[in-house]
Amino acid sequence: MTTYLLLYKADPAAVAAMPEPTPEEGAAMNKAWMDWAANAGDALTDFGNPTKAVSDGADDWVGGYSLIEAESPEAVEVLLTSHPHRAMGGVIDVYEAVPPPGM
């Protein structure tokens, strides 16, 4: 099994321009994320957290991360087909975690 890092990206200006969700919209958004996590099951090894750029040069398009395990990049893509971040127009960059050289 291979570990993959998911980086959730979105245009900061577009995110800032979005209106504050109503309590109902916020609940629906949270439910969509929880439904995705339940669907991912044991493949989701770390739900992750939102992120905020704090150093010069940091990519402020990255808004969060998750870690999943899968057999292949194609299996990762299957897990992402119903991802709520994509449904909201965001992009998910996928990175394979590789062992350090010599280990």
N, C-alpha and C. Protein backbone atom coordinates (compact mmCIF):
# COMPACT_ATOMS: atom_id res chain seq x y z
N MET A 1 0.85 -1.18 0.00
CA MET A 1 0.00 0.00 0.00
C MET A 1 0.89 1.24 0.00
N THR A 2 0.52 2.22 -0.75
CA THR A 2 1.29 3.46 -0.86
C THR A 2 0.53 4.59 -0.19
N THR A 3 1.26 5.47 0.49
CA THR A 3 0.65 6.65 1.11
C THR A 3 0.69 7.80 0.12
N TYR A 4 -0.42 8.53 0.05
CA TYR A 4 -0.54 9.69 -0.83
C TYR A 4 -0.96 10.90 0.00
N LEU A 5 -0.32 12.02 -0.30
CA LEU A 5 -0.66 13.30 0.31
C LEU A 5 -1.61 14.03 -0.63
N LEU A 6 -2.74 14.44 -0.12
CA LEU A 6 -3.70 15.24 -0.88
C LEU A 6 -3.58 16.68 -0.41
N LEU A 7 -3.31 17.60 -1.33
CA LEU A 7 -3.29 19.02 -0.99
C LEU A 7 -4.49 19.68 -1.64
N TYR A 8 -5.32 20.29 -0.81
CA TYR A 8 -6.53 20.94 -1.28
C TYR A 8 -6.18 22.38 -1.65
N LYS A 9 -6.40 22.73 -2.92
CA LYS A 9 -6.01 24.04 -3.41
C LYS A 9 -7.23 24.79 -3.96
N ALA A 10 -7.21 26.10 -3.76
CA ALA A 10 -8.25 26.97 -4.31
C ALA A 10 -7.69 28.38 -4.39
N ASP A 11 -8.17 29.13 -5.34
CA ASP A 11 -7.76 30.52 -5.52
C ASP A 11 -8.16 31.32 -4.27
N PRO A 12 -7.18 31.88 -3.55
CA PRO A 12 -7.50 32.63 -2.34
C PRO A 12 -8.48 33.77 -2.57
N ALA A 13 -8.38 34.45 -3.72
CA ALA A 13 -9.30 35.56 -4.00
C ALA A 13 -10.72 35.04 -4.17
N ALA A 14 -10.87 33.89 -4.82
CA ALA A 14 -12.21 33.31 -5.00
C ALA A 14 -12.77 32.86 -3.67
N VAL A 15 -11.92 32.28 -2.82
CA VAL A 15 -12.38 31.85 -1.50
C VAL A 15 -12.81 33.05 -0.67
N ALA A 16 -12.02 34.12 -0.71
CA ALA A 16 -12.35 35.33 0.05
C ALA A 16 -13.64 35.97 -0.44
N ALA A 17 -13.94 35.82 -1.72
CA ALA A 17 -15.14 36.43 -2.30
C ALA A 17 -16.41 35.62 -2.02
N MET A 18 -16.23 34.38 -1.55
CA MET A 18 -17.40 33.54 -1.28
C MET A 18 -18.13 34.08 -0.06
N PRO A 19 -19.47 34.13 -0.12
CA PRO A 19 -20.21 34.59 1.06
C PRO A 19 -20.10 33.57 2.19
N GLU A 20 -20.20 34.06 3.41
CA GLU A 20 -20.20 33.18 4.58
C GLU A 20 -21.39 32.22 4.47
N PRO A 21 -21.15 30.91 4.63
CA PRO A 21 -22.26 29.98 4.49
C PRO A 21 -23.26 30.14 5.63
N THR A 22 -24.51 29.88 5.31
CA THR A 22 -25.54 29.85 6.36
C THR A 22 -25.26 28.63 7.24
N PRO A 23 -25.84 28.56 8.42
CA PRO A 23 -25.65 27.35 9.24
C PRO A 23 -26.06 26.08 8.50
N GLU A 24 -27.10 26.15 7.71
CA GLU A 24 -27.56 24.98 6.96
C GLU A 24 -26.54 24.59 5.89
N GLU A 25 -26.00 25.61 5.18
CA GLU A 25 -24.98 25.34 4.16
C GLU A 25 -23.71 24.78 4.80
N GLY A 26 -23.33 25.32 5.95
CA GLY A 26 -22.16 24.82 6.66
C GLY A 26 -22.36 23.37 7.09
N ALA A 27 -23.55 23.05 7.57
CA ALA A 27 -23.85 21.67 7.98
C ALA A 27 -23.82 20.74 6.77
N ALA A 28 -24.35 21.20 5.64
CA ALA A 28 -24.34 20.37 4.43
C ALA A 28 -22.91 20.15 3.94
N MET A 29 -22.06 21.19 4.04
CA MET A 29 -20.67 21.06 3.64
C MET A 29 -19.94 20.06 4.54
N ASN A 30 -20.15 20.18 5.85
CA ASN A 30 -19.53 19.24 6.78
C ASN A 30 -20.01 17.82 6.52
N LYS A 31 -21.29 17.66 6.23
CA LYS A 31 -21.83 16.33 5.94
C LYS A 31 -21.19 15.75 4.68
N ALA A 32 -20.99 16.58 3.66
CA ALA A 32 -20.37 16.09 2.43
C ALA A 32 -18.95 15.58 2.72
N TRP A 33 -18.19 16.30 3.55
CA TRP A 33 -16.84 15.85 3.91
C TRP A 33 -16.89 14.56 4.72
N MET A 34 -17.81 14.48 5.67
CA MET A 34 -17.92 13.28 6.48
C MET A 34 -18.37 12.08 5.64
N ASP A 35 -19.28 12.32 4.69
CA ASP A 35 -19.71 11.25 3.79
C ASP A 35 -18.55 10.76 2.94
N TRP A 36 -17.72 11.71 2.45
CA TRP A 36 -16.56 11.31 1.67
C TRP A 36 -15.61 10.48 2.53
N ALA A 37 -15.36 10.92 3.75
CA ALA A 37 -14.45 10.20 4.65
C ALA A 37 -14.98 8.79 4.93
N ALA A 38 -16.29 8.67 5.15
CA ALA A 38 -16.87 7.36 5.39
C ALA A 38 -16.72 6.47 4.15
N ASN A 39 -16.90 7.04 2.98
CA ASN A 39 -16.76 6.29 1.74
C ASN A 39 -15.31 5.86 1.53
N ALA A 40 -14.34 6.71 1.89
CA ALA A 40 -12.93 6.36 1.76
C ALA A 40 -12.55 5.26 2.74
N GLY A 41 -13.23 5.20 3.87
CA GLY A 41 -13.00 4.14 4.85
C GLY A 41 -11.57 4.10 5.35
N ASP A 42 -11.02 2.88 5.43
CA ASP A 42 -9.67 2.69 5.97
C ASP A 42 -8.58 3.29 5.08
N ALA A 43 -8.91 3.64 3.84
CA ALA A 43 -7.91 4.27 2.96
C ALA A 43 -7.52 5.64 3.50
N LEU A 44 -8.43 6.29 4.21
CA LEU A 44 -8.16 7.62 4.78
C LEU A 44 -7.42 7.41 6.10
N THR A 45 -6.10 7.66 6.09
CA THR A 45 -5.30 7.42 7.29
C THR A 45 -5.17 8.65 8.17
N ASP A 46 -5.37 9.84 7.59
CA ASP A 46 -5.33 11.08 8.34
C ASP A 46 -6.26 12.05 7.64
N PHE A 47 -7.38 12.37 8.27
CA PHE A 47 -8.35 13.29 7.67
C PHE A 47 -7.68 14.62 7.35
N GLY A 48 -6.71 15.02 8.17
CA GLY A 48 -5.98 16.26 7.94
C GLY A 48 -6.63 17.45 8.60
N ASN A 49 -6.23 18.62 8.14
CA ASN A 49 -6.70 19.89 8.70
C ASN A 49 -6.62 20.96 7.64
N PRO A 50 -7.33 22.07 7.86
CA PRO A 50 -7.10 23.24 7.02
C PRO A 50 -5.69 23.77 7.28
N THR A 51 -5.15 24.51 6.33
CA THR A 51 -3.82 25.11 6.48
C THR A 51 -3.88 26.59 6.16
N LYS A 52 -2.85 27.30 6.62
CA LYS A 52 -2.73 28.73 6.35
C LYS A 52 -1.25 29.01 6.12
N ALA A 53 -0.91 29.66 5.01
CA ALA A 53 0.47 30.00 4.71
C ALA A 53 0.99 30.99 5.76
N VAL A 54 2.18 30.70 6.31
CA VAL A 54 2.75 31.59 7.33
C VAL A 54 4.18 32.01 7.03
N SER A 55 4.77 31.51 5.94
CA SER A 55 6.14 31.91 5.61
C SER A 55 6.17 32.53 4.22
N ASP A 56 7.17 33.38 4.00
CA ASP A 56 7.34 33.99 2.68
C ASP A 56 7.51 32.90 1.64
N GLY A 57 6.82 33.04 0.54
CA GLY A 57 6.93 32.08 -0.55
C GLY A 57 6.03 30.86 -0.41
N ALA A 58 5.35 30.71 0.73
CA ALA A 58 4.45 29.57 0.89
C ALA A 58 3.27 29.72 -0.07
N ASP A 59 2.79 28.62 -0.56
CA ASP A 59 1.69 28.60 -1.53
C ASP A 59 0.37 28.86 -0.80
N ASP A 60 -0.16 30.08 -0.94
CA ASP A 60 -1.42 30.39 -0.24
C ASP A 60 -2.64 29.81 -0.95
N TRP A 61 -2.41 29.06 -2.02
CA TRP A 61 -3.51 28.35 -2.65
C TRP A 61 -3.82 27.04 -1.92
N VAL A 62 -2.88 26.57 -1.09
CA VAL A 62 -3.09 25.32 -0.34
C VAL A 62 -3.94 25.64 0.88
N GLY A 63 -5.08 24.99 0.95
CA GLY A 63 -6.01 25.26 2.04
C GLY A 63 -6.18 24.11 3.02
N GLY A 64 -5.52 22.98 2.75
CA GLY A 64 -5.63 21.85 3.66
C GLY A 64 -5.00 20.61 3.06
N TYR A 65 -5.05 19.54 3.83
CA TYR A 65 -4.43 18.28 3.39
C TYR A 65 -5.17 17.08 3.98
N SER A 66 -4.95 15.93 3.39
CA SER A 66 -5.34 14.64 3.94
C SER A 66 -4.29 13.63 3.51
N LEU A 67 -4.23 12.50 4.20
CA LEU A 67 -3.38 11.38 3.81
C LEU A 67 -4.26 10.17 3.56
N ILE A 68 -4.00 9.49 2.45
CA ILE A 68 -4.73 8.26 2.15
C ILE A 68 -3.72 7.19 1.73
N GLU A 69 -4.16 5.95 1.82
CA GLU A 69 -3.38 4.82 1.32
C GLU A 69 -4.17 4.17 0.20
N ALA A 70 -3.45 3.82 -0.86
CA ALA A 70 -4.09 3.18 -2.01
C ALA A 70 -3.06 2.34 -2.75
N GLU A 71 -3.55 1.46 -3.60
CA GLU A 71 -2.69 0.58 -4.39
C GLU A 71 -2.01 1.30 -5.55
N SER A 72 -2.63 2.38 -6.05
CA SER A 72 -2.11 3.03 -7.25
C SER A 72 -2.70 4.44 -7.37
N PRO A 73 -2.10 5.27 -8.22
CA PRO A 73 -2.70 6.58 -8.48
C PRO A 73 -4.13 6.46 -9.04
N GLU A 74 -4.37 5.42 -9.81
CA GLU A 74 -5.72 5.22 -10.35
C GLU A 74 -6.72 4.95 -9.22
N ALA A 75 -6.29 4.19 -8.21
CA ALA A 75 -7.16 3.93 -7.06
C ALA A 75 -7.41 5.21 -6.26
N VAL A 76 -6.41 6.07 -6.20
CA VAL A 76 -6.60 7.37 -5.54
C VAL A 76 -7.67 8.15 -6.28
N GLU A 77 -7.58 8.17 -7.60
CA GLU A 77 -8.54 8.93 -8.40
C GLU A 77 -9.97 8.43 -8.17
N VAL A 78 -10.13 7.13 -8.02
CA VAL A 78 -11.46 6.58 -7.71
C VAL A 78 -11.97 7.14 -6.39
N LEU A 79 -11.09 7.22 -5.39
CA LEU A 79 -11.49 7.76 -4.09
C LEU A 79 -11.86 9.25 -4.17
N LEU A 80 -11.33 9.94 -5.16
CA LEU A 80 -11.56 11.38 -5.27
C LEU A 80 -12.73 11.75 -6.17
N THR A 81 -13.37 10.78 -6.81
CA THR A 81 -14.44 11.12 -7.76
C THR A 81 -15.59 11.88 -7.11
N SER A 82 -15.88 11.60 -5.86
CA SER A 82 -17.00 12.28 -5.20
C SER A 82 -16.52 13.23 -4.11
N HIS A 83 -15.28 13.70 -4.22
CA HIS A 83 -14.72 14.54 -3.17
C HIS A 83 -15.40 15.91 -3.15
N PRO A 84 -15.81 16.39 -1.96
CA PRO A 84 -16.50 17.67 -1.88
C PRO A 84 -15.65 18.88 -2.27
N HIS A 85 -14.35 18.79 -2.09
CA HIS A 85 -13.50 19.93 -2.49
C HIS A 85 -13.58 20.14 -4.00
N ARG A 86 -13.56 19.06 -4.75
CA ARG A 86 -13.71 19.17 -6.21
C ARG A 86 -15.10 19.68 -6.56
N ALA A 87 -16.11 19.21 -5.84
CA ALA A 87 -17.48 19.63 -6.11
C ALA A 87 -17.64 21.14 -5.91
N MET A 88 -16.81 21.73 -5.03
CA MET A 88 -16.86 23.17 -4.78
C MET A 88 -15.98 23.94 -5.75
N GLY A 89 -15.37 23.24 -6.72
CA GLY A 89 -14.53 23.91 -7.71
C GLY A 89 -13.06 23.95 -7.36
N GLY A 90 -12.68 23.30 -6.26
CA GLY A 90 -11.28 23.28 -5.87
C GLY A 90 -10.49 22.22 -6.62
N VAL A 91 -9.18 22.29 -6.48
CA VAL A 91 -8.26 21.36 -7.12
C VAL A 91 -7.59 20.55 -6.02
N ILE A 92 -7.35 19.27 -6.29
CA ILE A 92 -6.64 18.42 -5.34
C ILE A 92 -5.36 17.94 -6.01
N ASP A 93 -4.22 18.38 -5.48
CA ASP A 93 -2.93 17.88 -5.94
C ASP A 93 -2.62 16.61 -5.15
N VAL A 94 -2.14 15.59 -5.85
CA VAL A 94 -1.84 14.30 -5.23
C VAL A 94 -0.35 14.04 -5.33
N TYR A 95 0.26 13.70 -4.20
CA TYR A 95 1.68 13.39 -4.14
C TYR A 95 1.87 12.02 -3.50
N GLU A 96 2.74 11.21 -4.09
CA GLU A 96 3.09 9.92 -3.51
C GLU A 96 4.21 10.14 -2.49
N ALA A 97 4.03 9.60 -1.28
CA ALA A 97 5.08 9.65 -0.28
C ALA A 97 6.07 8.55 -0.62
N VAL A 98 7.32 8.92 -0.76
CA VAL A 98 8.36 7.94 -1.12
C VAL A 98 9.37 7.86 0.02
N PRO A 99 10.00 6.68 0.18
CA PRO A 99 10.98 6.57 1.24
C PRO A 99 12.21 7.45 0.97
N PRO A 100 12.84 7.95 2.02
CA PRO A 100 14.05 8.73 1.83
C PRO A 100 15.14 7.88 1.16
N PRO A 101 16.00 8.49 0.37
CA PRO A 101 17.06 7.72 -0.28
C PRO A 101 17.90 6.97 0.75
N GLY A 102 18.23 5.74 0.44
CA GLY A 102 19.08 4.93 1.30
C GLY A 102 18.36 4.26 2.45
N MET A 103 17.06 4.38 2.52
CA MET A 103 16.34 3.74 3.63
C MET A 103 15.47 2.63 3.12
